[in-house]
């Protein structure tokens, strides 16, 4: 039984399938079951990370949707509402209401697109930029805690695998995914 086929409570690290040796990295056999479990593991890690980050940012009075908008704009300020909706997997109506509330709070502002009169671009305000800095400080502390038990080599190896998988997924979605932009952070 390999790492991905064991219940989480029983997960041990192992040097090779069937061999158990604490402190060593598990070798995961490449088959459909472990591939499915790998997908669930990625989802669970992402979901749990969001919960931990939500808790850390709760004192700032931000919802997950709000801090995600700020995070995306901090990387690509001036996104169109349509691209922001696609990247956040929200409808145009939902992103419109969210941006309305954030604009009222003074974190973002909309401006007309200079090349397309129908499009509206969303920009961080100074208050939004300051809030992004505060968010980054909180998230940096959370990330350090999350990754405390992971070595740099393990993190580099894991990141390399995820970047490779992401590259393949981007190839598979091709031109069908609005806003499927690769982010280098």
Protein backbone atom coordinates (compact mmCIF):
# COMPACT_ATOMS: atom_id res chain seq x y z
CA UNK A 1 0.00 0.00 0.00
CA UNK A 2 1.52 3.36 -0.98
CA UNK A 3 1.20 6.82 0.57
CA UNK A 4 -1.86 7.82 -1.45
CA UNK A 5 -3.84 4.64 -0.89
CA UNK A 6 -3.53 4.74 2.90
CA UNK A 7 -6.04 6.58 5.07
CA UNK A 8 -4.57 9.91 6.18
CA UNK A 9 -4.33 8.80 9.81
CA UNK A 10 -2.16 5.86 8.76
CA UNK A 11 0.12 7.69 6.36
CA UNK A 12 3.75 6.93 6.98
CA UNK A 13 6.67 7.93 4.86
CA UNK A 14 8.42 5.10 3.08
CA UNK A 15 11.50 4.76 0.90
CA UNK A 16 9.76 2.41 -1.52
CA UNK A 17 6.35 0.77 -1.86
CA UNK A 18 5.73 -1.59 1.04
CA UNK A 19 8.76 -0.36 2.99
CA UNK A 20 8.22 1.88 5.99
CA UNK A 21 11.01 4.09 7.22
CA UNK A 22 10.16 7.29 9.14
CA UNK A 23 11.74 10.44 7.78
CA UNK A 24 12.16 9.22 4.22
CA UNK A 25 10.09 10.32 1.23
CA UNK A 26 7.40 7.97 -0.04
CA UNK A 27 7.56 6.64 -3.56
CA UNK A 28 4.12 6.82 -5.15
CA UNK A 29 3.27 4.29 -7.79
CA UNK A 30 1.83 5.85 -10.92
CA UNK A 31 -1.57 4.23 -11.46
CA UNK A 32 -5.14 5.43 -11.76
CA UNK A 33 -5.97 4.99 -8.07
CA UNK A 34 -2.94 6.94 -6.86
CA UNK A 35 -3.47 9.55 -9.58
CA UNK A 36 -7.03 10.08 -8.37
CA UNK A 37 -5.84 10.18 -4.77
CA UNK A 38 -3.13 12.67 -5.80
CA UNK A 39 -5.81 14.96 -7.21
CA UNK A 40 -7.82 14.69 -4.00
CA UNK A 41 -4.66 15.36 -1.98
CA UNK A 42 -3.95 18.53 -3.99
CA UNK A 43 -7.55 19.64 -3.48
CA UNK A 44 -7.45 18.90 0.27
CA UNK A 45 -4.15 20.72 0.77
CA UNK A 46 -5.49 23.74 -1.11
CA UNK A 47 -8.80 23.70 0.80
CA UNK A 48 -7.10 23.39 4.20
CA UNK A 49 -4.62 26.13 3.32
CA UNK A 50 -7.50 28.46 2.41
CA UNK A 51 -9.15 27.74 5.78
CA UNK A 52 -5.93 28.53 7.67
CA UNK A 53 -5.36 31.71 5.65
CA UNK A 54 -9.01 32.75 6.13
CA UNK A 55 -8.54 32.47 9.90
CA UNK A 56 -5.35 34.52 9.77
CA UNK A 57 -7.04 37.25 7.72
CA UNK A 58 -10.30 37.30 9.69
CA UNK A 59 -9.08 40.13 11.97
CA UNK A 60 -8.71 42.29 8.83
CA UNK A 61 -12.43 41.86 8.15
CA UNK A 62 -11.89 40.35 4.70
CA UNK A 63 -13.85 37.61 3.04
CA UNK A 64 -12.04 34.97 0.99
CA UNK A 65 -13.43 36.47 -2.21
CA UNK A 66 -12.11 39.90 -1.26
CA UNK A 67 -8.60 38.77 -0.42
CA UNK A 68 -8.51 36.71 -3.62
CA UNK A 69 -9.45 39.80 -5.68
CA UNK A 70 -6.71 41.77 -3.93
CA UNK A 71 -4.20 38.97 -4.47
CA UNK A 72 -4.97 38.72 -8.21
CA UNK A 73 -4.83 42.50 -8.65
CA UNK A 74 -1.52 42.67 -6.78
CA UNK A 75 -0.08 40.40 -9.47
CA UNK A 76 -1.94 41.89 -12.46
CA UNK A 77 -3.31 45.30 -11.55
CA UNK A 78 -5.75 46.63 -14.10
CA UNK A 79 -7.39 43.32 -14.98
CA UNK A 80 -10.73 43.51 -16.73
CA UNK A 81 -13.71 42.46 -14.68
CA UNK A 82 -14.26 39.60 -17.14
CA UNK A 83 -10.71 38.26 -16.70
CA UNK A 84 -10.96 38.64 -12.93
CA UNK A 85 -14.28 36.74 -12.94
CA UNK A 86 -12.75 33.94 -15.02
CA UNK A 87 -9.63 33.67 -12.85
CA UNK A 88 -11.73 33.59 -9.67
CA UNK A 89 -14.26 31.21 -11.22
CA UNK A 90 -17.11 33.67 -10.59
CA UNK A 91 -19.89 34.94 -12.80
CA UNK A 92 -19.76 38.46 -14.21
CA UNK A 93 -22.69 39.40 -11.95
CA UNK A 94 -20.96 38.02 -8.84
CA UNK A 95 -17.67 39.80 -9.59
CA UNK A 96 -19.59 43.01 -10.30
CA UNK A 97 -21.21 42.96 -6.85
CA UNK A 98 -17.94 42.06 -5.17
CA UNK A 99 -16.09 44.89 -6.94
CA UNK A 100 -18.95 47.28 -6.03
CA UNK A 101 -18.47 46.49 -2.32
CA UNK A 102 -14.68 46.71 -2.54
CA UNK A 103 -14.90 50.01 -4.43
CA UNK A 104 -17.23 51.40 -1.75
CA UNK A 105 -14.70 50.30 0.90
CA UNK A 106 -11.97 52.16 -1.01
CA UNK A 107 -9.77 49.15 -1.89
CA UNK A 108 -10.25 49.15 -5.66
CA UNK A 109 -11.40 51.46 -8.41
CA UNK A 110 -12.81 50.84 -11.85
CA UNK A 111 -11.60 52.69 -14.89
CA UNK A 112 -12.68 52.52 -18.50
CA UNK A 113 -10.42 50.52 -20.77
CA UNK A 114 -8.60 52.91 -23.11
CA UNK A 115 -8.86 50.47 -26.05
CA UNK A 116 -12.31 48.99 -25.46
CA UNK A 117 -15.08 51.31 -24.28
CA UNK A 118 -17.21 48.33 -23.20
CA UNK A 119 -14.57 46.95 -20.83
CA UNK A 120 -13.89 48.13 -17.29
CA UNK A 121 -10.53 47.57 -15.66
CA UNK A 122 -10.06 47.15 -11.92
CA UNK A 123 -7.13 48.75 -10.11
CA UNK A 124 -5.91 48.72 -6.53
CA UNK A 125 -6.18 52.04 -4.72
CA UNK A 126 -3.48 53.17 -2.26
CA UNK A 127 -5.63 51.75 0.55
CA UNK A 128 -5.88 48.49 -1.40
CA UNK A 129 -2.11 48.37 -1.92
CA UNK A 130 -1.55 48.97 1.79
CA UNK A 131 -4.01 46.19 2.62
CA UNK A 132 -2.19 43.84 0.22
CA UNK A 133 1.04 44.51 2.16
CA UNK A 134 -0.71 43.65 5.42
CA UNK A 135 -2.20 40.52 3.86
CA UNK A 136 1.25 39.45 2.60
CA UNK A 137 2.73 39.82 6.10
CA UNK A 138 -0.03 37.66 7.58
CA UNK A 139 0.16 35.07 4.81
CA UNK A 140 3.98 34.93 5.02
CA UNK A 141 3.68 34.03 8.71
CA UNK A 142 1.03 31.39 7.94
CA UNK A 143 3.11 29.93 5.09
CA UNK A 144 6.17 29.69 7.33
CA UNK A 145 4.10 27.78 9.87
CA UNK A 146 2.53 25.52 7.23
CA UNK A 147 5.92 24.69 5.71
CA UNK A 148 7.85 24.37 8.99
CA UNK A 149 8.15 20.59 8.67
CA UNK A 150 9.14 20.69 4.98
CA UNK A 151 12.77 20.97 3.90
CA UNK A 152 13.84 23.30 1.07
CA UNK A 153 14.70 20.28 -1.08
CA UNK A 154 11.26 18.74 -0.49
CA UNK A 155 9.58 22.04 -1.27
CA UNK A 156 11.62 22.49 -4.45
CA UNK A 157 10.84 18.93 -5.61
CA UNK A 158 7.13 19.33 -4.87
CA UNK A 159 6.99 22.69 -6.61
CA UNK A 160 8.76 21.28 -9.67
CA UNK A 161 6.16 18.50 -9.96
CA UNK A 162 3.25 20.92 -9.52
CA UNK A 163 4.68 23.33 -12.12
CA UNK A 164 4.99 20.44 -14.58
CA UNK A 165 1.40 19.36 -13.90
CA UNK A 166 0.19 22.96 -14.19
CA UNK A 167 1.97 23.31 -17.53
CA UNK A 168 0.23 20.21 -18.83
CA UNK A 169 -3.14 21.41 -17.55
CA UNK A 170 -2.64 24.76 -19.28
CA UNK A 171 -1.91 22.85 -22.50
CA UNK A 172 -5.09 20.84 -22.05
CA UNK A 173 -7.34 23.87 -21.46
CA UNK A 174 -5.64 25.76 -24.29
CA UNK A 175 -7.72 28.62 -25.63
CA UNK A 176 -10.87 27.32 -23.93
CA UNK A 177 -10.11 28.89 -20.54
CA UNK A 178 -10.75 32.60 -20.23
CA UNK A 179 -8.07 34.15 -18.08
CA UNK A 180 -6.01 30.95 -17.78
CA UNK A 181 -2.87 32.94 -17.17
CA UNK A 182 0.24 31.35 -15.71
CA UNK A 183 1.39 33.16 -12.62
CA UNK A 184 5.00 32.92 -11.52
CA UNK A 185 4.44 33.15 -7.80
